PDB file of N, CA and C in Angstrom:
ATOM      1  N   MET A   1     -31.896  23.646 -28.543  1.00  0.00           N
ATOM      2  CA  MET A   1     -32.672  24.821 -28.875  1.00  0.00           C
ATOM      3  C   MET A   1     -33.487  25.216 -27.656  1.00  0.00           C
ATOM      4  N   SER A   2     -33.869  26.457 -27.621  1.00  0.00           N
ATOM      5  CA  SER A   2     -34.655  26.939 -26.487  1.00  0.00           C
ATOM      6  C   SER A   2     -36.038  26.301 -26.494  1.00  0.00           C
ATOM      7  N   ASN A   3     -36.896  26.750 -25.603  1.00  0.00           N
ATOM      8  CA  ASN A   3     -38.225  26.162 -25.455  1.00  0.00           C
ATOM      9  C   ASN A   3     -39.254  26.751 -26.413  1.00  0.00           C
ATOM     10  N   ILE A   4     -38.818  27.319 -27.502  1.00  0.00           N
ATOM     11  CA  ILE A   4     -39.752  27.880 -28.468  1.00  0.00           C
ATOM     12  C   ILE A   4     -40.403  26.735 -29.239  1.00  0.00           C
ATOM     13  N   GLN A   5     -41.722  26.697 -29.209  1.00  0.00           N
ATOM     14  CA  GLN A   5     -42.471  25.632 -29.883  1.00  0.00           C
ATOM     15  C   GLN A   5     -42.583  25.943 -31.375  1.00  0.00           C
ATOM     16  N   ASN A   6     -42.546  24.905 -32.192  1.00  0.00           N
ATOM     17  CA  ASN A   6     -42.679  25.052 -33.627  1.00  0.00           C
ATOM     18  C   ASN A   6     -44.040  25.675 -33.954  1.00  0.00           C
ATOM     19  N   PRO A   7     -44.043  26.870 -34.556  1.00  0.00           N
ATOM     20  CA  PRO A   7     -45.321  27.533 -34.835  1.00  0.00           C
ATOM     21  C   PRO A   7     -46.176  26.794 -35.865  1.00  0.00           C
ATOM     22  N   LEU A   8     -45.551  26.079 -36.789  1.00  0.00           N
ATOM     23  CA  LEU A   8     -46.341  25.309 -37.744  1.00  0.00           C
ATOM     24  C   LEU A   8     -47.112  24.204 -37.038  1.00  0.00           C
ATOM     25  N   LEU A   9     -46.466  23.528 -36.100  1.00  0.00           N
ATOM     26  CA  LEU A   9     -47.160  22.468 -35.362  1.00  0.00           C
ATOM     27  C   LEU A   9     -48.321  23.037 -34.563  1.00  0.00           C
ATOM     28  N   ARG A  10     -48.144  24.222 -33.998  1.00  0.00           N
ATOM     29  CA  ARG A  10     -49.242  24.880 -33.273  1.00  0.00           C
ATOM     30  C   ARG A  10     -50.388  25.196 -34.222  1.00  0.00           C
ATOM     31  N   ALA A  11     -50.057  25.724 -35.401  1.00  0.00           N
ATOM     32  CA  ALA A  11     -51.096  26.080 -36.373  1.00  0.00           C
ATOM     33  C   ALA A  11     -51.840  24.835 -36.849  1.00  0.00           C
ATOM     34  N   ILE A  12     -51.112  23.755 -37.083  1.00  0.00           N
ATOM     35  CA  ILE A  12     -51.749  22.500 -37.480  1.00  0.00           C
ATOM     36  C   ILE A  12     -52.703  22.027 -36.393  1.00  0.00           C
ATOM     37  N   ASP A  13     -52.270  22.123 -35.147  1.00  0.00           N
ATOM     38  CA  ASP A  13     -53.122  21.726 -34.022  1.00  0.00           C
ATOM     39  C   ASP A  13     -54.370  22.602 -33.941  1.00  0.00           C
ATOM     40  N   ILE A  14     -54.199  23.897 -34.073  1.00  0.00           N
ATOM     41  CA  ILE A  14     -55.330  24.831 -34.007  1.00  0.00           C
ATOM     42  C   ILE A  14     -56.347  24.525 -35.105  1.00  0.00           C
ATOM     43  N   CYS A  15     -55.858  24.163 -36.286  1.00  0.00           N
ATOM     44  CA  CYS A  15     -56.747  23.857 -37.419  1.00  0.00           C
ATOM     45  C   CYS A  15     -57.229  22.416 -37.432  1.00  0.00           C
ATOM     46  N   SER A  16     -56.802  21.650 -36.450  1.00  0.00           N
ATOM     47  CA  SER A  16     -57.200  20.234 -36.344  1.00  0.00           C
ATOM     48  C   SER A  16     -56.673  19.376 -37.483  1.00  0.00           C
ATOM     49  N   GLY A  17     -55.487  19.716 -37.968  1.00  0.00           N
ATOM     50  CA  GLY A  17     -54.850  18.848 -38.947  1.00  0.00           C
ATOM     51  C   GLY A  17     -54.199  19.579 -40.106  1.00  0.00           C
ATOM     52  N   VAL A  18     -53.317  18.856 -40.762  1.00  0.00           N
ATOM     53  CA  VAL A  18     -52.576  19.404 -41.898  1.00  0.00           C
ATOM     54  C   VAL A  18     -53.522  19.778 -43.037  1.00  0.00           C
ATOM     55  N   SER A  19     -54.451  18.912 -43.353  1.00  0.00           N
ATOM     56  CA  SER A  19     -55.371  19.171 -44.472  1.00  0.00           C
ATOM     57  C   SER A  19     -56.201  20.426 -44.243  1.00  0.00           C
ATOM     58  N   SER A  20     -56.655  20.613 -43.023  1.00  0.00           N
ATOM     59  CA  SER A  20     -57.475  21.793 -42.709  1.00  0.00           C
ATOM     60  C   SER A  20     -56.654  23.070 -42.802  1.00  0.00           C
ATOM     61  N   LEU A  21     -55.431  23.031 -42.304  1.00  0.00           N
ATOM     62  CA  LEU A  21     -54.571  24.218 -42.421  1.00  0.00           C
ATOM     63  C   LEU A  21     -54.281  24.497 -43.885  1.00  0.00           C
ATOM     64  N   ALA A  22     -53.958  23.462 -44.637  1.00  0.00           N
ATOM     65  CA  ALA A  22     -53.659  23.643 -46.061  1.00  0.00           C
ATOM     66  C   ALA A  22     -54.839  24.294 -46.789  1.00  0.00           C
ATOM     67  N   ALA A  23     -56.027  23.803 -46.534  1.00  0.00           N
ATOM     68  CA  ALA A  23     -57.222  24.372 -47.176  1.00  0.00           C
ATOM     69  C   ALA A  23     -57.424  25.826 -46.775  1.00  0.00           C
ATOM     70  N   ALA A  24     -57.161  26.134 -45.513  1.00  0.00           N
ATOM     71  CA  ALA A  24     -57.370  27.496 -45.010  1.00  0.00           C
ATOM     72  C   ALA A  24     -56.413  28.507 -45.643  1.00  0.00           C
ATOM     73  N   ILE A  25     -55.247  28.043 -46.073  1.00  0.00           N
ATOM     74  CA  ILE A  25     -54.278  28.972 -46.680  1.00  0.00           C
ATOM     75  C   ILE A  25     -54.191  28.806 -48.202  1.00  0.00           C
ATOM     76  N   GLY A  26     -55.026  27.931 -48.762  1.00  0.00           N
ATOM     77  CA  GLY A  26     -55.062  27.762 -50.206  1.00  0.00           C
ATOM     78  C   GLY A  26     -53.904  26.968 -50.790  1.00  0.00           C
ATOM     79  N   GLU A  27     -53.346  26.098 -49.983  1.00  0.00           N
ATOM     80  CA  GLU A  27     -52.261  25.227 -50.447  1.00  0.00           C
ATOM     81  C   GLU A  27     -52.715  23.782 -50.371  1.00  0.00           C
ATOM     82  N   ASN A  28     -51.973  22.895 -51.023  1.00  0.00           N
ATOM     83  CA  ASN A  28     -52.357  21.492 -50.920  1.00  0.00           C
ATOM     84  C   ASN A  28     -51.716  20.859 -49.698  1.00  0.00           C
ATOM     85  N   GLN A  29     -52.292  19.756 -49.287  1.00  0.00           N
ATOM     86  CA  GLN A  29     -51.869  19.067 -48.070  1.00  0.00           C
ATOM     87  C   GLN A  29     -50.411  18.621 -48.166  1.00  0.00           C
ATOM     88  N   THR A  30     -49.974  18.211 -49.347  1.00  0.00           N
ATOM     89  CA  THR A  30     -48.594  17.757 -49.534  1.00  0.00           C
ATOM     90  C   THR A  30     -47.600  18.863 -49.233  1.00  0.00           C
ATOM     91  N   THR A  31     -47.913  20.071 -49.648  1.00  0.00           N
ATOM     92  CA  THR A  31     -47.023  21.209 -49.398  1.00  0.00           C
ATOM     93  C   THR A  31     -46.839  21.434 -47.909  1.00  0.00           C
ATOM     94  N   VAL A  32     -47.934  21.473 -47.175  1.00  0.00           N
ATOM     95  CA  VAL A  32     -47.858  21.706 -45.730  1.00  0.00           C
ATOM     96  C   VAL A  32     -47.156  20.535 -45.041  1.00  0.00           C
ATOM     97  N   SER A  33     -47.404  19.332 -45.496  1.00  0.00           N
ATOM     98  CA  SER A  33     -46.715  18.162 -44.934  1.00  0.00           C
ATOM     99  C   SER A  33     -45.206  18.255 -45.148  1.00  0.00           C
ATOM    100  N   MET A  34     -44.798  18.746 -46.299  1.00  0.00           N
ATOM    101  CA  MET A  34     -43.365  18.899 -46.567  1.00  0.00           C
ATOM    102  C   MET A  34     -42.756  19.959 -45.645  1.00  0.00           C
ATOM    103  N   TRP A  35     -43.471  21.039 -45.414  1.00  0.00           N
ATOM    104  CA  TRP A  35     -42.963  22.048 -44.479  1.00  0.00           C
ATOM    105  C   TRP A  35     -42.759  21.422 -43.109  1.00  0.00           C
ATOM    106  N   LYS A  36     -43.725  20.604 -42.718  1.00  0.00           N
ATOM    107  CA  LYS A  36     -43.650  19.944 -41.411  1.00  0.00           C
ATOM    108  C   LYS A  36     -42.433  19.024 -41.349  1.00  0.00           C
ATOM    109  N   SER A  37     -42.235  18.225 -42.366  1.00  0.00           N
ATOM    110  CA  SER A  37     -41.114  17.283 -42.345  1.00  0.00           C
ATOM    111  C   SER A  37     -39.766  17.991 -42.447  1.00  0.00           C
ATOM    112  N   ARG A  38     -39.728  19.132 -43.115  1.00  0.00           N
ATOM    113  CA  ARG A  38     -38.489  19.907 -43.247  1.00  0.00           C
ATOM    114  C   ARG A  38     -38.263  20.865 -42.079  1.00  0.00           C
ATOM    115  N   ASP A  39     -39.288  20.994 -41.229  1.00  0.00           N
ATOM    116  CA  ASP A  39     -39.219  21.904 -40.088  1.00  0.00           C
ATOM    117  C   ASP A  39     -38.951  23.337 -40.536  1.00  0.00           C
ATOM    118  N   SER A  40     -39.603  23.710 -41.644  1.00  0.00           N
ATOM    119  CA  SER A  40     -39.397  25.048 -42.183  1.00  0.00           C
ATOM    120  C   SER A  40     -40.571  25.449 -43.072  1.00  0.00           C
ATOM    121  N   VAL A  41     -41.037  26.664 -42.869  1.00  0.00           N
ATOM    122  CA  VAL A  41     -42.120  27.225 -43.674  1.00  0.00           C
ATOM    123  C   VAL A  41     -41.578  28.457 -44.388  1.00  0.00           C
ATOM    124  N   PRO A  42     -41.705  28.536 -45.708  1.00  0.00           N
ATOM    125  CA  PRO A  42     -41.256  29.744 -46.414  1.00  0.00           C
ATOM    126  C   PRO A  42     -41.949  30.983 -45.847  1.00  0.00           C
ATOM    127  N   SER A  43     -41.190  32.031 -45.683  1.00  0.00           N
ATOM    128  CA  SER A  43     -41.711  33.235 -45.032  1.00  0.00           C
ATOM    129  C   SER A  43     -42.901  33.852 -45.760  1.00  0.00           C
ATOM    130  N   LYS A  44     -43.017  33.631 -47.055  1.00  0.00           N
ATOM    131  CA  LYS A  44     -44.149  34.223 -47.787  1.00  0.00           C
ATOM    132  C   LYS A  44     -45.501  33.644 -47.351  1.00  0.00           C
ATOM    133  N   TYR A  45     -45.498  32.539 -46.589  1.00  0.00           N
ATOM    134  CA  TYR A  45     -46.730  31.923 -46.101  1.00  0.00           C
ATOM    135  C   TYR A  45     -47.065  32.282 -44.658  1.00  0.00           C
ATOM    136  N   TRP A  46     -46.155  32.913 -43.965  1.00  0.00           N
ATOM    137  CA  TRP A  46     -46.366  33.194 -42.546  1.00  0.00           C
ATOM    138  C   TRP A  46     -47.626  34.016 -42.293  1.00  0.00           C
ATOM    139  N   ASP A  47     -47.850  35.063 -43.093  1.00  0.00           N
ATOM    140  CA  ASP A  47     -49.033  35.908 -42.884  1.00  0.00           C
ATOM    141  C   ASP A  47     -50.327  35.143 -43.157  1.00  0.00           C
ATOM    142  N   ALA A  48     -50.316  34.290 -44.163  1.00  0.00           N
ATOM    143  CA  ALA A  48     -51.516  33.491 -44.470  1.00  0.00           C
ATOM    144  C   ALA A  48     -51.838  32.544 -43.324  1.00  0.00           C
ATOM    145  N   ILE A  49     -50.808  31.943 -42.754  1.00  0.00           N
ATOM    146  CA  ILE A  49     -51.025  31.043 -41.619  1.00  0.00           C
ATOM    147  C   ILE A  49     -51.542  31.835 -40.426  1.00  0.00           C
ATOM    148  N   GLU A  50     -50.950  32.996 -40.187  1.00  0.00           N
ATOM    149  CA  GLU A  50     -51.412  33.851 -39.086  1.00  0.00           C
ATOM    150  C   GLU A  50     -52.902  34.165 -39.241  1.00  0.00           C
ATOM    151  N   SER A  51     -53.315  34.513 -40.442  1.00  0.00           N
ATOM    152  CA  SER A  51     -54.736  34.810 -40.694  1.00  0.00           C
ATOM    153  C   SER A  51     -55.609  33.576 -40.498  1.00  0.00           C
ATOM    154  N   ALA A  52     -55.124  32.437 -40.957  1.00  0.00           N
ATOM    155  CA  ALA A  52     -55.910  31.195 -40.871  1.00  0.00           C
ATOM    156  C   ALA A  52     -56.181  30.765 -39.438  1.00  0.00           C
ATOM    157  N   VAL A  53     -55.288  31.137 -38.532  1.00  0.00           N
ATOM    158  CA  VAL A  53     -55.452  30.731 -37.126  1.00  0.00           C
ATOM    159  C   VAL A  53     -55.799  31.918 -36.229  1.00  0.00           C
ATOM    160  N   SER A  54     -56.353  32.948 -36.835  1.00  0.00           N
ATOM    161  CA  SER A  54     -56.817  34.132 -36.088  1.00  0.00           C
ATOM    162  C   SER A  54     -55.736  34.703 -35.171  1.00  0.00           C
ATOM    163  N   SER A  55     -54.524  34.765 -35.683  1.00  0.00           N
ATOM    164  CA  SER A  55     -53.364  35.336 -34.981  1.00  0.00           C
ATOM    165  C   SER A  55     -52.965  34.583 -33.712  1.00  0.00           C
ATOM    166  N   LYS A  56     -53.422  33.343 -33.571  1.00  0.00           N
ATOM    167  CA  LYS A  56     -52.967  32.531 -32.436  1.00  0.00           C
ATOM    168  C   LYS A  56     -51.531  32.078 -32.653  1.00  0.00           C
ATOM    169  N   VAL A  57     -51.099  32.096 -33.894  1.00  0.00           N
ATOM    170  CA  VAL A  57     -49.696  31.918 -34.296  1.00  0.00           C
ATOM    171  C   VAL A  57     -49.417  33.109 -35.203  1.00  0.00           C
ATOM    172  N   THR A  58     -48.298  33.786 -34.982  1.00  0.00           N
ATOM    173  CA  THR A  58     -48.002  34.988 -35.762  1.00  0.00           C
ATOM    174  C   THR A  58     -46.732  34.830 -36.595  1.00  0.00           C
ATOM    175  N   ALA A  59     -46.574  35.745 -37.533  1.00  0.00           N
ATOM    176  CA  ALA A  59     -45.349  35.777 -38.332  1.00  0.00           C
ATOM    177  C   ALA A  59     -44.133  35.961 -37.426  1.00  0.00           C
ATOM    178  N   ILE A  60     -44.305  36.698 -36.354  1.00  0.00           N
ATOM    179  CA  ILE A  60     -43.208  36.888 -35.387  1.00  0.00           C
ATOM    180  C   ILE A  60     -42.827  35.553 -34.742  1.00  0.00           C
ATOM    181  N   ASP A  61     -43.807  34.705 -34.471  1.00  0.00           N
ATOM    182  CA  ASP A  61     -43.518  33.372 -33.922  1.00  0.00           C
ATOM    183  C   ASP A  61     -42.621  32.588 -34.875  1.00  0.00           C
ATOM    184  N   PHE A  62     -42.929  32.645 -36.167  1.00  0.00           N
ATOM    185  CA  PHE A  62     -42.098  31.956 -37.154  1.00  0.00           C
ATOM    186  C   PHE A  62     -40.686  32.537 -37.183  1.00  0.00           C
ATOM    187  N   LEU A  63     -40.601  33.856 -37.145  1.00  0.00           N
ATOM    188  CA  LEU A  63     -39.290  34.511 -37.158  1.00  0.00           C
ATOM    189  C   LEU A  63     -38.464  34.102 -35.941  1.00  0.00           C
ATOM    190  N   GLU A  64     -39.055  34.136 -34.776  1.00  0.00           N
ATOM    191  CA  GLU A  64     -38.348  33.747 -33.554  1.00  0.00           C
ATOM    192  C   GLU A  64     -37.929  32.282 -33.597  1.00  0.00           C
ATOM    193  N   TYR A  65     -38.780  31.423 -34.150  1.00  0.00           N
ATOM    194  CA  TYR A  65     -38.455  30.001 -34.255  1.00  0.00           C
ATOM    195  C   TYR A  65     -37.259  29.795 -35.196  1.00  0.00           C
ATOM    196  N   GLU A  66     -37.270  30.481 -36.333  1.00  0.00           N
ATOM    197  CA  GLU A  66     -36.152  30.364 -37.274  1.00  0.00           C
ATOM    198  C   GLU A  66     -34.853  30.880 -36.655  1.00  0.00           C
ATOM    199  N   ARG A  67     -34.928  31.968 -35.925  1.00  0.00           N
ATOM    200  CA  ARG A  67     -33.733  32.506 -35.242  1.00  0.00           C
ATOM    201  C   ARG A  67     -33.208  31.519 -34.209  1.00  0.00           C
ATOM    202  N   ALA A  68     -34.108  30.923 -33.467  1.00  0.00           N
ATOM    203  CA  ALA A  68     -33.700  29.948 -32.432  1.00  0.00           C
ATOM    204  C   ALA A  68     -33.019  28.738 -33.079  1.00  0.00           C
ATOM    205  N   LYS A  69     -33.532  28.291 -34.216  1.00  0.00           N
ATOM    206  CA  LYS A  69     -32.912  27.167 -34.921  1.00  0.00           C
ATOM    207  C   LYS A  69     -31.500  27.528 -35.367  1.00  0.00           C
ATOM    208  N   LYS A  70     -31.326  28.733 -35.896  1.00  0.00           N
ATOM    209  CA  LYS A  70     -29.993  29.167 -36.349  1.00  0.00           C
ATOM    210  C   LYS A  70     -29.029  29.282 -35.190  1.00  0.00           C
ATOM    211  N   LEU A  71     -29.497  29.799 -34.061  1.00  0.00           N
ATOM    212  CA  LEU A  71     -28.639  29.905 -32.880  1.00  0.00           C
ATOM    213  C   LEU A  71     -28.232  28.531 -32.382  1.00  0.00           C
ATOM    214  N   ALA A  72     -29.143  27.576 -32.415  1.00  0.00           N
ATOM    215  CA  ALA A  72     -28.842  26.218 -31.966  1.00  0.00           C
ATOM    216  C   ALA A  72     -27.806  25.574 -32.878  1.00  0.00           C
ATOM    217  N   ILE A  73     -27.892  25.828 -34.159  1.00  0.00           N
ATOM    218  CA  ILE A  73     -26.923  25.270 -35.096  1.00  0.00           C
ATOM    219  C   ILE A  73     -25.554  25.903 -34.898  1.00  0.00           C
ATOM    220  N   SER A  74     -25.525  27.214 -34.707  1.00  0.00           N
ATOM    221  CA  SER A  74     -24.229  27.885 -34.527  1.00  0.00           C
ATOM    222  C   SER A  74     -23.589  27.543 -33.193  1.00  0.00           C
ATOM    223  N   ALA A  75     -24.385  27.176 -32.202  1.00  0.00           N
ATOM    224  CA  ALA A  75     -23.844  26.828 -30.886  1.00  0.00           C
ATOM    225  C   ALA A  75     -23.329  25.386 -30.843  1.00  0.00           C
ATOM    226  N   ALA A  76     -23.740  24.590 -31.814  1.00  0.00           N
ATOM    227  CA  ALA A  76     -23.345  23.170 -31.831  1.00  0.00           C
ATOM    228  C   ALA A  76     -21.905  22.968 -32.278  1.00  0.00           C
TER     229      ALA A  76
END
């Protein structure tokens, strides 16, 4: 895959942890942990995450990351 960094990992870092990000978007820590382990965040949460991190990670970042993952799979 290209050098696109996982936007969820960036958001977790910005919020200083999974629990803090989860609280900021109104989800439980287990949900965010599952997204992390699955390397996928449902698109309906992208805007909430963007708001929680003051647009330091955007919905476009998630879209580009998902596209890069699909391209890497199709190239394999």
